[in-house]
Amino acid sequence: MDLSASNYVIIGSVVACILNIWTDRPILALIGCFSMHALLLFILYATIHDIWIRQYEKEYTKGWWKLCLIPVFFLLQLFFYRLFSAHLI
């Protein structure tokens, strides 16, 4: 199960888009997005919390902070594409 955090966020975004299209009420879409993320967080906490803690205590995790750089660089890339989109054409 090799999923990043962006895979989990997609679920809430899709639910929010569907609710917004069906109901045409943005507040209901936000509530649906929040509830989907809260439900997913609860499911993940209930199922993998103990496994993660045991793995974290046994493994050498000194260099794991570097994994945070992947989404940071991706978001920076999107930001710069949006900011300088007129100059790229």
Protein backbone atom coordinates (compact mmCIF):
# COMPACT_ATOMS: atom_id res chain seq x y z
CA MET A 1 0.00 0.00 0.00
CA ASP A 2 2.19 2.75 -1.32
CA LEU A 3 -0.03 5.83 -1.28
CA SER A 4 0.90 9.37 -0.53
CA ALA A 5 -1.20 11.93 1.30
CA SER A 6 -2.44 13.40 -1.96
CA ASN A 7 -4.22 10.14 -2.74
CA TYR A 8 -6.23 10.45 0.45
CA VAL A 9 -7.08 14.11 -0.11
CA ILE A 10 -8.54 13.31 -3.53
CA ILE A 11 -11.42 11.42 -1.88
CA GLY A 12 -12.65 14.50 -0.03
CA SER A 13 -12.22 16.72 -3.07
CA VAL A 14 -14.24 14.40 -5.29
CA VAL A 15 -17.02 14.21 -2.70
CA ALA A 16 -17.04 18.01 -2.43
CA CYS A 17 -17.26 18.44 -6.20
CA ILE A 18 -20.09 15.92 -6.51
CA LEU A 19 -22.04 17.53 -3.68
CA ASN A 20 -21.51 20.98 -5.14
CA ILE A 21 -22.77 19.87 -8.56
CA TRP A 22 -25.77 17.97 -7.19
CA THR A 23 -26.93 20.52 -4.63
CA ASP A 24 -25.41 23.80 -5.88
CA ARG A 25 -24.71 24.70 -2.24
CA PRO A 26 -21.02 25.33 -1.46
CA ILE A 27 -21.49 25.08 2.31
CA LEU A 28 -22.88 21.56 1.92
CA ALA A 29 -19.89 20.66 -0.27
CA LEU A 30 -17.49 21.93 2.42
CA ILE A 31 -19.29 19.96 5.11
CA GLY A 32 -19.17 16.84 2.93
CA CYS A 33 -15.46 17.32 2.26
CA PHE A 34 -14.71 17.79 5.95
CA SER A 35 -16.80 14.79 6.98
CA MET A 36 -15.12 12.55 4.38
CA HIS A 37 -11.66 13.59 5.57
CA ALA A 38 -12.67 13.07 9.21
CA LEU A 39 -14.08 9.63 8.42
CA LEU A 40 -10.95 8.64 6.53
CA LEU A 41 -8.74 9.90 9.35
CA PHE A 42 -10.71 7.90 11.89
CA ILE A 43 -10.52 4.73 9.75
CA LEU A 44 -6.76 5.11 9.27
CA TYR A 45 -6.21 5.86 12.95
CA ALA A 46 -8.24 2.83 14.02
CA THR A 47 -6.57 0.44 11.60
CA ILE A 48 -2.91 1.38 11.30
CA HIS A 49 -2.05 3.46 14.37
CA ASP A 50 -0.58 0.63 16.43
CA ILE A 51 1.21 -0.86 13.43
CA TRP A 52 2.77 2.51 12.64
CA ILE A 53 3.92 3.12 16.22
CA ARG A 54 5.58 -0.31 16.42
CA GLN A 55 7.29 0.23 13.06
CA TYR A 56 8.38 3.75 14.01
CA GLU A 57 9.95 2.55 17.27
CA LYS A 58 11.94 -0.21 15.56
CA GLU A 59 13.09 1.48 12.36
CA TYR A 60 15.83 3.97 11.77
CA THR A 61 13.85 7.04 10.70
CA LYS A 62 16.39 9.82 10.79
CA GLY A 63 16.12 10.76 7.09
CA TRP A 64 12.36 10.57 6.69
CA TRP A 65 11.93 14.35 6.73
CA LYS A 66 13.22 14.36 3.15
CA LEU A 67 9.98 12.74 2.03
CA CYS A 68 8.21 16.00 2.85
CA LEU A 69 10.18 17.71 0.11
CA ILE A 70 8.36 15.81 -2.65
CA PRO A 71 4.95 17.47 -2.16
CA VAL A 72 6.62 20.81 -1.38
CA PHE A 73 8.45 20.85 -4.70
CA PHE A 74 5.34 19.70 -6.54
CA LEU A 75 3.26 22.52 -5.05
CA LEU A 76 6.01 25.05 -5.74
CA GLN A 77 6.10 23.90 -9.34
CA LEU A 78 2.34 24.41 -9.68
CA PHE A 79 2.61 27.81 -8.00
CA PHE A 80 5.31 28.99 -10.38
CA TYR A 81 3.45 27.66 -13.41
CA ARG A 82 0.42 29.65 -12.31
CA LEU A 83 2.38 32.74 -11.39
CA PHE A 84 4.49 32.87 -14.56
CA SER A 85 2.02 31.28 -16.99
CA ALA A 86 1.88 34.39 -19.16
CA HIS A 87 5.66 34.43 -19.52
CA LEU A 88 5.91 30.74 -20.46
CA ILE A 89 3.91 31.11 -23.67
